[in-house]
Structures are given as structure tokens and as C-alpha cells.
Amino acid sequence: MGQTISEKILSRQAVDQRDVFAGDRVDVKPNSVLSNEMLPMVSISKFFMTGAKTVNQEIAENMLIILDHGGIGTTDKMVDLHQMSRDFAKEHNLMLDDAGSGISHVVFHEKGFVKPGYLVLGTDSHTVTHGAFNSFAKGIGGSDLVELMVKGTTWLDVPETNIVKVEGKLPENVYSKDLLLYVNGEKKMTWSTDKTIEWKGATIHDLSMEARLTMSNMAIEQGAVAGIMPHDRKTDDYLKDVPGDRESLPVKPDEDAQYAETFEVDATELVPVVAAPHSPDNVHPISEIGDVELDQVFIGSCTNARIEDMEIMVKIFKQEIDKGNKVKPRTLVIPGSAAVGLEAAKRGYIQIFMESGAVWSYSTCGACYGGTQGRVGPNMTALSTTNRNFIGRMGGDKTSMVYLSSPATAAASAFAGKIISADMLN
């Protein structure tokens, strides 16, 4: 019987080297491991409770800790947690990127920890982002990380797989975020619960790697444990400049692999959309939502804050600045990593954003989850390029309204003061 991409990767990383299929439970060794503030909040104390003295050597060599949620010196608690992380990393010879270096799901692959065919495990649900590189990338809990640090292995259930096949050229001003949100709206957040999503079709191969990263990032908002893109030349070209010498192990599904469901999309029929409060699957064409006045526009997060996103936005910003316009609501732009911020500076993007009246900040998860920077309050309405708009997201309450969109829609809306698509700007 043929295997899906997930089944092939989990078979290769199985401790007992057996072929596994959906429904099996398997002990695995990951190729790389990601952690963040979950390490000091949950895992360090539990690690010492096991009686372990040192972190498993193989895990230590392939693990990166990225302090991305707590910001720089924002609260006494975060200061203490970050110092605990530094001390633990130093004691156990673990690699650590400090607060300000970037959001983990951007930094991790920038640093060369992800290659095609890898099993990537991380203590954050959006670890699924790295499936864009033809890997099986999954979020795990703090206790799972303890097991990895002590034993070097953990167990996983082998998931069933859904297919999304996309054909046709995306229309102008329609981006991969619109495509992803469209699928969410049609299939809802539970359709791939505990399953993998494999993306395929000519449209997917036409997308840039950064556009694919946006889509894999939101696999978890489709209920999926992983969102895997096909391997192609674009995958290899994107990874050419990452550091290290980790081996690429690309995977294709077998022709007779078994799938749970196939959903087909005609990309030519898509339009700019938003996810309205309070769910990423409450999706509507922008032309149908009416006048939604905005108190804040947030452009950032692990979903849409890479240099390609900045490039898309800056064209709109420059066009409006040349007309003498400035952003109307409070507008916050946060790059996905320090490397993205540096590249934006070299290209002159930061000057353009700031000339518009937008606020530019160092790289952090803060605004997205409602921790630091860009929090919304009661009765405020925000448009965000993030991945979630549940009640309480971005720090709000049930009266706070958060909409999700592509960077192009966010940029256009910042100048309009209300939600519009880029083709609706005068």
C-alpha cells in the first residue's frame, strides 16, 4: 500500500524503522526541535523533576530556543523567564536566540533548521509553518519537550491526510492568504482536525516560498497537525543561502497513497476576503462586509511579516504617500525577524512606512497574541495580518472586533481607515 508524505516522513524517523500508516502510533526521533517561552514556563522544572542531569546530546545539537513571545524586558515575570532560559541553555549547551531576534517560525528556517523531508517538532502550534518546506512540522506541548530532552524520542499518532488541489492563476490583488482563508470559509476549522493537509496543483507550484509559508502557517486553523507543501526547485532555491550543512530529504507521496478527502479549488474564481470576528473560518468577500471603520491595523506575525509581504505593502504605502496621504488608524508594522527588518531597512522600506505615519517596531509575537505592543481594548476594531481572531486575541474582549486579511488588504485599509481591498483604493 502506498504512503502519504506524512507516513513516509514518520516511517523514516521511526525509532524501529518500520513503515507506518494512518492510525498507527510510533516512537520517533525528530530532525530538529524548536522551543520558545514554553521552555521556562513548563519544561525546565519538569526536566529536573525527572532526575535527568543533561539534555540528550542529539536533541541538543538540533534544538533552537527562540524567545519571541515575551518581548524585551516587558514584565518582571518575562525578565525572569528569559533569564531562566539563558541559564538553562548555557548549562546544557543549547542554542538560543534572544528576544528581538525574531518570531520563531521565521527565524527557525532562516537559521537552517528545516529542510525538505524533515520531522520538525516545536512547542508552539504554529510550528506547522515549516511544512512549507515539504516537511512534517507539528506543535507539541511542554511535557513532550521534556520527553525529547530526556530520551531523545517521543511518540506521535500517524494522521490521515486531506488533499487540497488548486489550479489556475490567482487574480490581481488576490494572495495566498486569500486562498487559505477561502478554504477555511468553505471547509471550516474542524474539517482537518488531527489530520495532515497536503497541498498540490499548478497554483501551488506557482506560489513563492513565502506565500506557501503563509498557508502552511494556518494549517492549525484548519484543525490540522501539519500542512505540507510539495517539493520543487523553488524550495531548493529558497534554502540555498541558509547556514549549515543539513541534508535535504525531499518526499513525494505514492500514487496509490490513501487520502481521507480531496478538495479542489479554482484559483481564477477567488477574490480578496477577510475573516470576520470571531473565527478564522468566518470568511467573507470584502465587497460584502460593508463599511467597517478601523481603530488599528496590525501588519506582522509569523503569518505575514516576511520580506515579500513588506514588498507588497510598501508599493501601496509609497503610492499613497506620493498622493500626500497618511495612514488613518493607528498602524503598526512589525517584521517577522531581525533579518527581515534589516533587509527592509536596506531597501528603504522602514522610511516609507514611517513617513506614512505608521509605527515600526522590533520583531516580536507581542501584538498577535495580546502580550505586548498593539493590544486592542474594548469596543475597538482591528484589521490584522495574523492567523487568529478569537475572542481575547490581541488582548481584546468580546466587544473587540478583529478581522484577518492579506498584507495588501491591510495596507490599503490603513489608508482608507476602513476595510477595503487594494483594488478599491482611489
Protein backbone atom coordinates (compact mmCIF):
# COMPACT_ATOMS: atom_id res chain seq x y z
CA MET A 1 0.00 0.00 0.00
CA GLY A 2 1.27 3.46 -0.90
CA GLN A 3 2.14 6.15 1.62
CA THR A 4 1.35 9.84 2.01
CA ILE A 5 4.11 12.38 2.68
CA SER A 6 3.35 12.26 6.42
CA GLU A 7 3.51 8.47 6.51
CA LYS A 8 6.83 8.44 4.66
CA ILE A 9 8.49 11.01 6.93
CA LEU A 10 7.24 9.36 10.12
CA SER A 11 8.38 5.96 8.84
CA ARG A 12 11.87 7.29 8.17
CA GLN A 13 12.10 8.88 11.63
CA ALA A 14 10.57 5.89 13.43
CA VAL A 15 12.84 4.53 16.15
CA ASP A 16 12.18 0.97 14.96
CA GLN A 17 12.47 1.95 11.25
CA ARG A 18 9.13 0.37 10.33
CA ASP A 19 6.66 1.55 7.71
CA VAL A 20 3.74 3.29 9.38
CA PHE A 21 0.29 4.28 8.18
CA ALA A 22 -2.60 6.44 9.38
CA GLY A 23 -3.88 5.20 12.74
CA ASP A 24 -0.52 3.82 13.91
CA ARG A 25 1.28 5.14 16.96
CA VAL A 26 5.04 5.46 16.56
CA ASP A 27 8.10 6.45 18.59
CA VAL A 28 10.12 8.97 16.58
CA LYS A 29 13.34 10.94 16.54
CA PRO A 30 12.83 14.47 15.18
CA ASN A 31 15.32 16.05 12.79
CA SER A 32 15.02 19.38 14.58
CA VAL A 33 13.30 20.85 17.64
CA LEU A 34 12.02 24.37 18.30
CA SER A 35 11.17 25.90 21.65
CA ASN A 36 10.19 29.31 22.97
CA GLU A 37 8.94 30.62 26.32
CA MET A 38 7.28 27.23 26.85
CA LEU A 39 10.74 26.01 27.91
CA PRO A 40 10.95 28.05 31.15
CA MET A 41 7.18 28.15 31.75
CA VAL A 42 6.68 24.36 31.70
CA SER A 43 9.62 22.24 30.62
CA ILE A 44 12.64 23.23 32.73
CA SER A 45 11.09 22.38 36.09
CA LYS A 46 9.67 19.10 34.75
CA PHE A 47 13.04 18.23 33.23
CA PHE A 48 14.73 18.42 36.64
CA MET A 49 11.86 16.50 38.26
CA THR A 50 12.78 13.50 36.08
CA GLY A 51 16.20 13.37 37.69
CA ALA A 52 17.93 13.99 34.35
CA LYS A 53 21.28 15.73 34.54
CA THR A 54 21.89 16.64 30.90
CA VAL A 55 19.84 17.16 27.75
CA ASN A 56 20.04 14.32 25.24
CA GLN A 57 23.02 15.13 23.03
CA GLU A 58 21.29 14.56 19.70
CA ILE A 59 18.40 16.83 20.70
CA ALA A 60 20.82 19.49 21.99
CA GLU A 61 22.61 19.58 18.64
CA ASN A 62 19.38 20.07 16.71
CA MET A 63 17.35 22.31 19.03
CA LEU A 64 16.95 26.09 18.90
CA ILE A 65 15.29 28.17 21.62
CA ILE A 66 13.81 31.45 20.37
CA LEU A 67 12.45 33.92 22.92
CA ASP A 68 9.77 35.51 20.77
CA HIS A 69 6.58 35.94 22.81
CA GLY A 70 7.63 37.97 25.83
CA GLY A 71 9.34 40.95 24.22
CA ILE A 72 12.36 42.75 25.64
CA GLY A 73 12.10 43.39 29.37
CA THR A 74 8.34 43.86 29.28
CA THR A 75 7.40 42.45 32.69
CA ASP A 76 9.24 41.16 35.74
CA LYS A 77 7.88 37.68 35.01
CA MET A 78 9.22 37.68 31.44
CA VAL A 79 12.58 39.03 32.55
CA ASP A 80 12.86 36.11 34.97
CA LEU A 81 11.65 33.52 32.45
CA HIS A 82 14.09 34.73 29.81
CA GLN A 83 17.00 34.66 32.25
CA MET A 84 15.99 31.12 33.27
CA SER A 85 16.11 30.15 29.58
CA ARG A 86 19.54 31.68 29.09
CA ASP A 87 20.93 29.93 32.15
CA PHE A 88 19.47 26.55 31.13
CA ALA A 89 20.74 26.93 27.56
CA LYS A 90 24.23 27.78 28.76
CA GLU A 91 24.31 24.90 31.24
CA HIS A 92 23.20 22.35 28.63
CA ASN A 93 24.97 23.78 25.59
CA LEU A 94 21.72 24.64 23.79
CA MET A 95 21.42 27.21 21.03
CA LEU A 96 19.33 30.27 21.94
CA ASP A 97 18.18 33.35 20.05
CA ASP A 98 17.28 36.12 22.45
CA ALA A 99 14.24 38.39 22.45
CA GLY A 100 14.29 40.73 19.46
CA SER A 101 15.90 38.24 17.08
CA GLY A 102 12.52 37.41 15.62
CA ILE A 103 9.47 35.19 15.60
CA SER A 104 10.38 31.53 15.89
CA HIS A 105 8.53 30.39 12.77
CA VAL A 106 10.52 32.83 10.69
CA VAL A 107 13.88 32.53 12.44
CA PHE A 108 13.94 28.72 12.64
CA HIS A 109 14.18 28.12 8.92
CA GLU A 110 16.34 31.24 8.39
CA LYS A 111 18.91 29.53 10.63
CA GLY A 112 18.86 26.32 8.56
CA PHE A 113 16.99 24.03 10.95
CA VAL A 114 14.41 22.95 8.37
CA LYS A 115 14.99 21.02 5.17
CA PRO A 116 12.65 19.01 2.91
CA GLY A 117 11.54 15.71 4.37
CA TYR A 118 12.27 16.66 7.98
CA LEU A 119 10.27 15.84 11.08
CA VAL A 120 10.13 19.15 12.93
CA LEU A 121 8.62 19.40 16.41
CA GLY A 122 8.12 22.65 18.30
CA THR A 123 6.44 23.95 21.45
CA ASP A 124 4.07 26.24 19.58
CA SER A 125 1.04 25.34 17.49
CA HIS A 126 2.29 27.36 14.50
CA THR A 127 5.30 25.09 14.13
CA VAL A 128 3.16 23.78 11.24
CA THR A 129 4.55 26.75 9.25
CA HIS A 130 7.63 24.74 8.32
CA GLY A 131 5.55 22.27 6.36
CA ALA A 132 6.04 24.74 3.51
CA PHE A 133 9.46 23.12 3.07
CA ASN A 134 7.96 19.69 2.36
CA SER A 135 8.45 18.69 5.99
CA PHE A 136 6.17 17.21 8.65
CA ALA A 137 6.14 20.04 11.18
CA LYS A 138 3.95 19.76 14.27
CA GLY A 139 3.33 21.59 17.51
CA ILE A 140 3.94 19.74 20.78
CA GLY A 141 3.44 20.50 24.47
CA GLY A 142 5.96 21.31 27.16
CA SER A 143 5.82 17.77 28.57
CA ASP A 144 6.59 16.37 25.11
CA LEU A 145 9.67 18.58 25.01
CA VAL A 146 10.77 17.18 28.37
CA GLU A 147 10.50 13.66 26.97
CA LEU A 148 12.63 14.68 23.99
CA MET A 149 15.26 16.35 26.16
CA VAL A 150 15.48 13.30 28.44
CA LYS A 151 15.06 10.38 25.99
CA GLY A 152 15.78 11.88 22.58
CA THR A 153 12.48 10.45 21.31
CA THR A 154 8.74 10.93 21.68
CA TRP A 155 5.59 9.30 20.30
CA LEU A 156 3.17 10.52 17.65
CA ASP A 157 -0.07 9.27 16.18
CA VAL A 158 0.19 8.92 12.40
CA PRO A 159 -2.53 11.16 10.91
CA GLU A 160 -4.84 10.68 7.99
CA THR A 161 -4.32 13.19 5.18
CA ASN A 162 -6.63 15.56 3.30
CA ILE A 163 -5.65 16.93 -0.10
CA VAL A 164 -6.28 20.48 -1.33
CA LYS A 165 -5.68 20.72 -5.07
CA VAL A 166 -5.51 24.24 -6.52
CA GLU A 167 -5.42 25.03 -10.22
CA GLY A 168 -5.49 28.31 -12.15
CA LYS A 169 -3.83 31.71 -11.80
CA LEU A 170 -4.63 33.91 -8.82
CA PRO A 171 -6.29 37.19 -9.93
CA GLU A 172 -4.62 40.53 -9.29
CA ASN A 173 -4.74 41.63 -5.64
CA VAL A 174 -5.53 38.08 -4.53
CA TYR A 175 -2.79 36.41 -2.48
CA SER A 176 -2.09 33.11 -0.76
CA LYS A 177 -3.70 34.44 2.44
CA ASP A 178 -6.94 34.95 0.49
CA LEU A 179 -6.66 31.41 -0.86
CA LEU A 180 -6.10 29.96 2.59
CA LEU A 181 -8.94 31.95 4.13
CA TYR A 182 -11.24 30.92 1.27
CA VAL A 183 -10.57 27.25 2.04
CA ASN A 184 -11.22 27.95 5.73
CA GLY A 185 -14.53 29.57 4.90
CA GLU A 186 -15.63 26.70 2.68
CA LYS A 187 -14.43 23.77 4.80
CA LYS A 188 -14.42 25.32 8.33
CA MET A 189 -11.86 24.92 11.08
CA THR A 190 -12.71 21.34 12.02
CA TRP A 191 -12.52 19.67 8.62
CA SER A 192 -8.91 18.52 9.04
CA THR A 193 -8.87 18.00 12.80
CA ASP A 194 -5.97 15.70 13.71
CA LYS A 195 -5.16 15.21 10.03
CA THR A 196 -2.42 16.44 7.70
CA ILE A 197 -3.21 18.71 4.76
CA GLU A 198 -1.19 18.15 1.59
CA TRP A 199 -1.34 20.99 -0.93
CA LYS A 200 -0.92 20.24 -4.64
CA GLY A 201 -1.66 21.65 -8.08
CA ALA A 202 -0.15 24.11 -10.56
CA THR A 203 -1.20 27.12 -8.48
CA ILE A 204 0.80 25.90 -5.50
CA HIS A 205 3.93 25.44 -7.61
CA ASP A 206 3.45 28.98 -8.97
CA LEU A 207 3.48 30.43 -5.45
CA SER A 208 6.67 31.75 -3.90
CA MET A 209 8.04 30.01 -0.83
CA GLU A 210 6.99 32.93 1.35
CA ALA A 211 3.43 32.64 0.05
CA ARG A 212 3.49 28.92 0.84
CA LEU A 213 4.77 29.64 4.35
CA THR A 214 1.68 31.79 4.95
CA MET A 215 -0.58 28.88 4.02
CA SER A 216 1.24 26.18 5.97
CA ASN A 217 1.28 28.54 8.96
CA MET A 218 -2.52 28.38 9.17
CA ALA A 219 -2.86 24.60 8.87
CA ILE A 220 -3.56 24.63 12.59
CA GLU A 221 -6.50 26.99 11.95
CA GLN A 222 -7.91 24.22 9.75
CA GLY A 223 -7.58 21.79 12.63
CA ALA A 224 -4.60 20.06 11.02
CA VAL A 225 -1.49 18.75 12.76
CA ALA A 226 0.60 19.54 9.67
CA GLY A 227 0.26 21.42 6.39
CA ILE A 228 2.70 20.09 3.81
CA MET A 229 3.70 21.69 0.51
CA PRO A 230 5.24 19.84 -2.43
CA HIS A 231 8.99 19.93 -3.00
CA ASP A 232 10.21 21.68 -6.16
CA ARG A 233 13.01 23.86 -7.50
CA LYS A 234 11.67 26.90 -5.62
CA THR A 235 12.07 25.01 -2.35
CA ASP A 236 15.74 24.30 -3.04
CA ASP A 237 16.47 27.79 -4.37
CA TYR A 238 15.00 29.40 -1.26
CA LEU A 239 17.13 27.23 1.02
CA LYS A 240 20.42 27.73 -0.83
CA ASP A 241 21.55 30.59 1.37
CA VAL A 242 20.61 29.20 4.78
CA PRO A 243 23.56 28.30 7.04
CA GLY A 244 24.67 24.82 7.97
CA ASP A 245 25.02 21.60 6.03
CA ARG A 246 21.90 19.70 6.99
CA GLU A 247 20.85 17.19 4.35
CA SER A 248 17.74 17.69 2.23
CA LEU A 249 15.42 14.65 2.12
CA PRO A 250 12.53 15.60 -0.22
CA VAL A 251 9.43 13.42 -0.21
CA LYS A 252 6.68 12.75 -2.72
CA PRO A 253 3.52 10.78 -1.96
CA ASP A 254 2.99 7.43 -3.65
CA GLU A 255 0.44 7.36 -6.46
CA ASP A 256 -1.64 4.83 -4.53
CA ALA A 257 -1.47 6.66 -1.19
CA GLN A 258 -4.75 6.69 0.73
CA TYR A 259 -6.40 10.06 1.45
CA ALA A 260 -9.37 10.95 3.62
CA GLU A 261 -10.75 13.73 1.40
CA THR A 262 -9.82 15.84 -1.63
CA PHE A 263 -10.98 19.44 -2.01
CA GLU A 264 -10.45 21.19 -5.36
CA VAL A 265 -10.15 24.96 -5.82
CA ASP A 266 -10.30 27.06 -8.99
CA ALA A 267 -7.94 29.92 -8.16
CA THR A 268 -9.24 32.09 -11.00
CA GLU A 269 -12.56 32.47 -9.16
CA LEU A 270 -11.05 33.84 -5.94
CA VAL A 271 -11.46 37.41 -4.65
CA PRO A 272 -9.93 39.35 -1.73
CA VAL A 273 -11.51 38.20 1.51
CA VAL A 274 -11.36 38.78 5.25
CA ALA A 275 -12.07 36.55 8.22
CA ALA A 276 -14.58 38.42 10.37
CA PRO A 277 -14.90 38.11 14.17
CA HIS A 278 -14.56 35.84 15.96
CA SER A 279 -13.11 32.96 13.92
CA PRO A 280 -10.62 32.36 11.09
CA ASP A 281 -13.33 30.47 9.20
CA ASN A 282 -15.91 33.30 9.33
CA VAL A 283 -14.77 34.36 5.85
CA HIS A 284 -16.45 36.88 3.53
CA PRO A 285 -15.54 38.71 0.32
CA ILE A 286 -14.51 42.25 1.17
CA SER A 287 -17.13 43.52 -1.25
CA GLU A 288 -19.83 42.08 1.02
CA ILE A 289 -18.82 43.24 4.51
CA GLY A 290 -19.94 46.88 4.29
CA ASP A 291 -18.18 49.82 5.97
CA VAL A 292 -16.00 48.55 8.81
CA GLU A 293 -14.22 51.52 10.40
CA LEU A 294 -10.83 50.68 11.91
CA ASP A 295 -9.10 51.74 15.12
CA GLN A 296 -5.95 49.77 14.34
CA VAL A 297 -4.17 47.98 11.52
CA PHE A 298 -1.52 45.45 12.52
CA ILE A 299 0.91 44.14 9.92
CA GLY A 300 3.12 41.40 11.32
CA SER A 301 3.21 37.91 12.92
CA CYS A 302 4.54 34.54 11.77
CA THR A 303 1.83 34.50 9.09
CA ASN A 304 2.58 37.59 7.00
CA ALA A 305 5.69 39.53 8.03
CA ARG A 306 8.37 38.32 5.66
CA ILE A 307 10.21 40.49 3.17
CA GLU A 308 7.85 39.60 0.32
CA ASP A 309 4.93 40.77 2.46
CA MET A 310 6.78 44.01 3.17
CA GLU A 311 7.44 44.44 -0.56
CA ILE A 312 3.75 44.01 -1.38
CA MET A 313 2.75 46.54 1.27
CA VAL A 314 5.39 49.15 0.56
CA LYS A 315 4.18 49.57 -3.03
CA ILE A 316 0.78 50.60 -1.70
CA PHE A 317 2.29 52.79 1.01
CA LYS A 318 4.54 54.59 -1.47
CA GLN A 319 1.69 55.11 -3.91
CA GLU A 320 -0.41 56.74 -1.19
CA ILE A 321 2.45 58.81 0.24
CA ASP A 322 3.12 60.19 -3.24
CA LYS A 323 -0.52 61.39 -3.23
CA GLY A 324 0.09 63.15 0.07
CA ASN A 325 -1.87 60.59 2.12
CA LYS A 326 -1.08 59.15 5.53
CA VAL A 327 -2.47 56.18 7.39
CA LYS A 328 -5.71 56.94 9.24
CA PRO A 329 -5.99 54.43 12.10
CA ARG A 330 -3.09 53.50 14.35
CA THR A 331 -0.92 51.29 12.12
CA LEU A 332 1.79 49.03 13.48
CA VAL A 333 4.33 47.24 11.27
CA ILE A 334 6.48 44.50 12.84
CA PRO A 335 8.91 42.38 10.76
CA GLY A 336 8.97 38.62 11.18
CA SER A 337 12.62 38.60 12.21
CA ALA A 338 15.59 40.88 12.75
CA ALA A 339 16.91 39.66 9.39
CA VAL A 340 13.68 40.74 7.68
CA GLY A 341 13.91 44.09 9.46
CA LEU A 342 17.48 44.59 8.31
CA GLU A 343 16.58 43.80 4.72
CA ALA A 344 13.63 46.18 4.93
CA ALA A 345 16.00 48.88 6.18
CA LYS A 346 18.45 48.26 3.33
CA ARG A 347 15.63 48.60 0.80
CA GLY A 348 14.33 51.82 2.34
CA TYR A 349 11.02 50.27 3.39
CA ILE A 350 11.16 51.44 7.00
CA GLN A 351 11.42 55.09 5.94
CA ILE A 352 8.36 54.69 3.72
CA PHE A 353 6.32 53.06 6.47
CA MET A 354 7.26 55.73 8.99
CA GLU A 355 6.68 58.60 6.57
CA SER A 356 3.12 57.32 6.26
CA GLY A 357 2.56 57.73 9.99
CA ALA A 358 2.85 54.00 10.74
CA VAL A 359 4.81 52.73 13.73
CA TRP A 360 7.76 50.38 13.08
CA SER A 361 8.88 48.03 15.85
CA TYR A 362 11.39 45.28 16.63
CA SER A 363 10.38 41.72 15.85
CA THR A 364 8.14 40.01 18.40
CA CYS A 365 4.94 37.95 18.69
CA GLY A 366 3.56 40.55 21.10
CA ALA A 367 0.68 42.16 19.24
CA CYS A 368 -0.60 38.93 17.71
CA TYR A 369 -1.45 37.10 20.91
CA GLY A 370 -2.15 40.20 23.00
CA GLY A 371 1.02 40.19 25.06
CA THR A 372 2.95 43.36 24.29
CA GLN A 373 2.52 46.18 21.76
CA GLY A 374 -0.58 46.78 19.70
CA ARG A 375 -3.11 45.38 22.16
CA VAL A 376 -6.70 46.30 21.38
CA GLY A 377 -9.21 47.34 24.00
CA PRO A 378 -12.97 47.06 24.48
CA ASN A 379 -15.09 48.21 21.52
CA MET A 380 -12.01 48.59 19.30
CA THR A 381 -11.90 47.22 15.75
CA ALA A 382 -8.65 45.99 14.23
CA LEU A 383 -7.52 44.52 10.92
CA SER A 384 -4.59 42.14 11.22
CA THR A 385 -2.37 40.00 9.00
CA THR A 386 -2.19 37.41 11.78
CA ASN A 387 -3.77 33.95 11.93
CA ARG A 388 -6.32 34.12 14.74
CA ASN A 389 -9.18 36.42 15.70
CA PHE A 390 -10.83 34.55 18.56
CA ILE A 391 -12.30 36.49 21.48
CA GLY A 392 -9.40 37.77 23.56
CA ARG A 393 -6.90 37.67 20.69
CA MET A 394 -4.70 40.77 20.52
CA GLY A 395 -5.70 41.48 24.12
CA GLY A 396 -9.32 42.38 23.46
CA ASP A 397 -12.60 41.14 24.90
CA LYS A 398 -15.91 40.04 23.38
CA THR A 399 -16.61 43.64 22.31
CA SER A 400 -13.31 43.87 20.43
CA MET A 401 -13.55 43.06 16.73
CA VAL A 402 -10.51 41.59 14.96
CA TYR A 403 -10.55 40.89 11.21
CA LEU A 404 -7.87 38.91 9.33
CA SER A 405 -6.58 39.76 5.86
CA SER A 406 -3.70 39.69 3.42
CA PRO A 407 -0.94 42.31 3.71
CA ALA A 408 -2.24 44.08 0.57
CA THR A 409 -5.69 44.45 2.08
CA ALA A 410 -4.20 45.62 5.37
CA ALA A 411 -2.06 48.24 3.62
CA ALA A 412 -4.95 49.59 1.56
CA SER A 413 -7.24 49.64 4.59
CA ALA A 414 -4.69 51.58 6.64
CA PHE A 415 -5.04 54.49 4.22
CA ALA A 416 -8.79 54.19 3.81
CA GLY A 417 -9.47 53.96 7.54
CA LYS A 418 -11.86 51.12 6.84
CA ILE A 419 -11.60 47.63 5.38
CA ILE A 420 -11.12 47.74 1.62
CA SER A 421 -9.20 45.64 -0.91
CA ALA A 422 -6.17 47.06 -2.73
CA ASP A 423 -8.15 47.47 -5.96
CA MET A 424 -10.66 49.70 -4.14
CA LEU A 425 -8.13 52.47 -3.35
CA ASN A 426 -8.88 55.67 -5.27
